[in-house]
Structure formats: structure tokens, C-alpha cells
Protein backbone atom coordinates (compact mmCIF):
# COMPACT_ATOMS: atom_id res chain seq x y z
CA UNK A 1 5.20 2.02 4.55
CA UNK A 2 6.22 5.62 4.26
CA UNK A 3 9.42 7.46 4.92
CA UNK A 4 9.86 10.05 7.64
CA UNK A 5 12.55 12.64 8.25
CA UNK A 6 14.31 14.73 10.83
CA UNK A 7 16.63 17.67 10.28
CA UNK A 8 19.59 15.33 9.82
CA UNK A 9 18.09 11.93 8.91
CA UNK A 10 15.85 10.23 6.40
CA UNK A 11 14.20 7.03 7.62
CA UNK A 12 13.00 5.17 4.56
CA UNK A 13 12.29 1.63 3.38
CA UNK A 14 15.41 -0.38 2.59
CA UNK A 15 16.46 -0.94 -1.03
CA UNK A 16 19.12 -2.97 -2.84
CA UNK A 17 21.56 -0.06 -2.90
CA UNK A 18 21.86 -0.21 0.92
CA UNK A 19 24.02 -3.36 0.95
CA UNK A 20 27.49 -1.78 0.92
CA UNK A 21 26.65 0.87 3.52
CA UNK A 22 25.07 -1.77 5.75
CA UNK A 23 28.15 -3.99 5.59
CA UNK A 24 30.57 -1.10 6.14
CA UNK A 25 28.63 0.77 8.81
CA UNK A 26 26.93 -1.79 11.03
CA UNK A 27 26.03 -5.29 9.81
CA UNK A 28 29.62 -6.59 10.12
CA UNK A 29 30.21 -5.14 13.59
CA UNK A 30 29.89 -7.87 16.26
CA UNK A 31 29.33 -5.35 19.06
CA UNK A 32 26.33 -3.86 17.26
CA UNK A 33 24.81 -7.06 15.90
CA UNK A 34 25.17 -9.01 19.14
CA UNK A 35 23.45 -6.29 21.17
CA UNK A 36 20.18 -6.81 19.39
CA UNK A 37 20.46 -10.51 18.69
CA UNK A 38 21.37 -10.50 15.02
CA UNK A 39 24.16 -12.46 13.32
CA UNK A 40 27.32 -10.75 12.12
CA UNK A 41 27.46 -10.51 8.33
CA UNK A 42 30.92 -10.93 6.84
CA UNK A 43 30.39 -10.46 3.12
CA UNK A 44 28.23 -8.54 0.70
CA UNK A 45 26.28 -11.62 -0.44
CA UNK A 46 25.09 -12.28 3.11
CA UNK A 47 23.95 -8.67 3.40
CA UNK A 48 22.13 -8.89 0.05
CA UNK A 49 20.27 -11.94 1.37
CA UNK A 50 19.34 -9.99 4.51
CA UNK A 51 18.17 -7.12 2.32
CA UNK A 52 15.83 -9.46 0.44
CA UNK A 53 14.22 -10.22 3.79
CA UNK A 54 14.11 -6.50 4.64
CA UNK A 55 12.52 -5.56 1.30
CA UNK A 56 10.28 -8.53 0.48
CA UNK A 57 9.51 -10.42 3.68
CA UNK A 58 7.39 -9.70 6.73
CA UNK A 59 10.31 -7.69 8.15
CA UNK A 60 9.83 -5.12 5.37
CA UNK A 61 6.53 -3.93 6.79
CA UNK A 62 7.93 -1.91 9.69
CA UNK A 63 11.67 -1.48 9.06
CA UNK A 64 13.43 1.67 7.97
CA UNK A 65 16.98 2.43 6.85
CA UNK A 66 18.43 5.36 8.80
CA UNK A 67 20.19 7.57 6.26
CA UNK A 68 22.35 10.53 7.20
CA UNK A 69 21.30 13.44 4.98
CA UNK A 70 24.76 15.01 4.94
CA UNK A 71 26.58 11.95 3.57
CA UNK A 72 23.68 10.03 2.03
CA UNK A 73 24.94 6.91 3.84
CA UNK A 74 22.78 4.24 5.42
CA UNK A 75 24.12 4.48 8.98
CA UNK A 76 21.72 2.07 10.69
CA UNK A 77 18.15 0.97 11.03
CA UNK A 78 15.08 1.39 13.17
CA UNK A 79 12.23 -1.10 13.18
CA UNK A 80 9.32 -2.73 14.88
CA UNK A 81 10.97 -6.07 15.62
CA UNK A 82 7.67 -7.35 17.03
CA UNK A 83 4.12 -6.10 16.67
CA UNK A 84 0.79 -7.25 17.95
CA UNK A 85 -2.11 -5.88 15.95
CA UNK A 86 -4.70 -7.24 18.41
CA UNK A 87 -3.46 -4.94 21.19
CA UNK A 88 -2.07 -2.22 18.88
CA UNK A 89 1.41 -2.52 20.34
CA UNK A 90 4.82 -2.54 18.65
CA UNK A 91 8.31 -3.14 19.99
CA UNK A 92 11.10 -0.93 18.66
CA UNK A 93 14.70 -1.88 17.91
CA UNK A 94 17.42 0.33 16.50
CA UNK A 95 21.10 0.38 15.69
CA UNK A 96 23.51 3.02 14.48
CA UNK A 97 26.96 2.31 13.05
CA UNK A 98 29.90 2.89 15.38
CA UNK A 99 31.38 5.73 13.27
CA UNK A 100 28.16 7.66 13.88
CA UNK A 101 27.85 7.13 17.64
CA UNK A 102 27.76 10.12 19.95
CA UNK A 103 25.88 12.38 17.54
CA UNK A 104 22.36 11.77 18.85
CA UNK A 105 21.21 9.95 15.72
CA UNK A 106 19.56 7.00 17.51
CA UNK A 107 17.53 9.32 19.73
CA UNK A 108 16.59 11.48 16.77
CA UNK A 109 15.40 8.47 14.76
CA UNK A 110 13.50 7.13 17.79
CA UNK A 111 11.70 10.43 18.38
CA UNK A 112 10.76 10.59 14.70
CA UNK A 113 9.48 7.01 14.72
CA UNK A 114 7.34 7.67 17.79
CA UNK A 115 5.85 10.76 16.11
CA UNK A 116 5.35 8.95 12.80
CA UNK A 117 3.69 5.96 14.48
CA UNK A 118 1.18 7.89 16.57
CA UNK A 119 0.33 10.31 13.77
CA UNK A 120 0.09 7.77 10.91
CA UNK A 121 -0.75 4.28 12.19
CA UNK A 122 -3.24 2.48 14.42
CA UNK A 123 -0.67 1.51 17.04
CA UNK A 124 -1.51 2.83 20.50
CA UNK A 125 1.54 1.69 22.47
CA UNK A 126 5.24 1.50 21.66
CA UNK A 127 7.71 -0.49 23.72
CA UNK A 128 11.44 -1.12 23.81
CA UNK A 129 13.94 -2.70 26.12
CA UNK A 130 17.68 -2.97 26.49
CA UNK A 131 20.00 -5.26 28.38
CA UNK A 132 21.18 -3.50 31.54
CA UNK A 133 24.80 -3.74 30.40
CA UNK A 134 24.00 -1.98 27.11
CA UNK A 135 24.29 1.51 28.57
CA UNK A 136 24.46 3.26 25.18
CA UNK A 137 21.03 1.97 24.21
CA UNK A 138 19.83 2.73 27.72
CA UNK A 139 20.82 6.38 27.39
CA UNK A 140 18.86 6.65 24.14
CA UNK A 141 15.72 5.35 25.84
CA UNK A 142 16.26 7.43 29.00
CA UNK A 143 16.41 10.62 26.92
CA UNK A 144 13.37 9.69 24.83
CA UNK A 145 9.69 10.40 25.43
CA UNK A 146 9.35 6.78 26.58
CA UNK A 147 9.34 5.91 30.29
CA UNK A 148 10.38 2.87 32.27
CA UNK A 149 7.84 0.13 32.80
CA UNK A 150 7.88 -3.25 34.54
CA UNK A 151 7.64 -5.38 31.42
CA UNK A 152 6.82 -5.35 27.71
CA UNK A 153 4.39 -7.36 25.59
CA UNK A 154 7.13 -9.74 24.37
CA UNK A 155 7.83 -10.92 27.91
CA UNK A 156 4.15 -11.04 28.88
CA UNK A 157 3.35 -13.30 25.93
CA UNK A 158 6.37 -15.50 26.61
CA UNK A 159 5.50 -15.72 30.32
CA UNK A 160 8.89 -14.30 31.28
CA UNK A 161 9.76 -11.84 34.02
CA UNK A 162 12.46 -9.47 32.73
CA UNK A 163 15.78 -10.19 34.41
CA UNK A 164 18.60 -7.95 33.26
CA UNK A 165 16.39 -6.12 30.76
CA UNK A 166 15.22 -2.57 31.29
CA UNK A 167 11.78 -1.95 29.73
CA UNK A 168 10.29 1.28 28.35
CA UNK A 169 6.99 2.29 26.78
CA UNK A 170 4.85 5.19 25.62
CA UNK A 171 1.15 5.24 24.78
CA UNK A 172 -0.59 7.43 22.27
CA UNK A 173 -2.38 9.28 25.09
CA UNK A 174 0.96 10.01 26.81
CA UNK A 175 2.34 11.21 23.49
CA UNK A 176 -0.66 13.46 22.90
CA UNK A 177 -0.50 14.84 26.46
CA UNK A 178 3.19 15.64 26.07
CA UNK A 179 2.54 17.46 22.78
CA UNK A 180 -0.23 19.59 24.28
CA UNK A 181 2.00 20.97 27.05
């Protein structure tokens, strides 16, 4: 897995030195962790355990620390929380620490991940969803190159009709068409 950058961010694989920034900036915040279904981490040892999973487990394959270039701090993460190689589809999740909200970082990281994926991997479709009440995440997706869709692969495979979730996607052909305009 490679790193990718924007003007203000470096998205890179996690490493052991991320623990303190993670705890301070997002992993201990119940509002952030609850929104994407993760537990709240209350001490550095819990975060170090999570980091082992992020750096050594299956989750390490498609998960990037979002680092603000100006401060050098890990301010969040962006990842493929699910991926299906057989249909070349990945589902994106992201979070940015509260102190860094309102600066466009989530959208910037998302745009960079879309570009990185379609230019460097075999994935042909990217998907994401948010709970309708999570308007902050919704604004990120609304402003992105992704568009609303009826459902995403996760729900199709689970035999669930989205209720209260707003689904988005983009295909490689849509990405390429947008770039050529």
C-alpha cells in the first residue's frame, strides 16, 4: 500500500508513532467513533492494540492515516472498510478529528483516495454511505465526485434495503469521464 498526498495532507499507512495523535484527535471522541461504528478508546494501550490491527492485520491493507502537513499530526483516517475483489468494489469510510472540522480535510482526503484508487488499483467502483442524521459526513459526500445511488454492495450482500442510510458511488468510467471534461 502506497501513500498519497494533497496540498495539505499526507495519507499514509499507519505506524506505531500514530497512537498519541489518534487518542488525542479522534479515537477517544464518542461522537466520531459512534458515527462509523467503532468503539471509543480511553487509553493509549487500547489505541496501541488498535494500531497493531491497523498495521499488521487485514485492516492494514487499505487503511491510511490522514496527516496534516502543517502540523505533522495524524488528524484522522480514511479506509476501505469493506472490499469485494470479485466485483472490484470497495466501500470507503473516513473520520477527521473534531479540532480539524470545517477545513475541508475529509473531502480533500476523499478526492485523493478516489484518484489514487482509480489510477493505481484494480477497483472499478467505490461506494460510501452515511446515516441520514450524520449531516457532516453527508456534506462531504455531496461535494465529492461520488453521486447518490439506491444501495451499496454491503447492503446487497446482506439482503438489506437501506433505511436511514444515504448511499453514494462512483465508477472508474465516471471518474475518467469527469477527468476528460
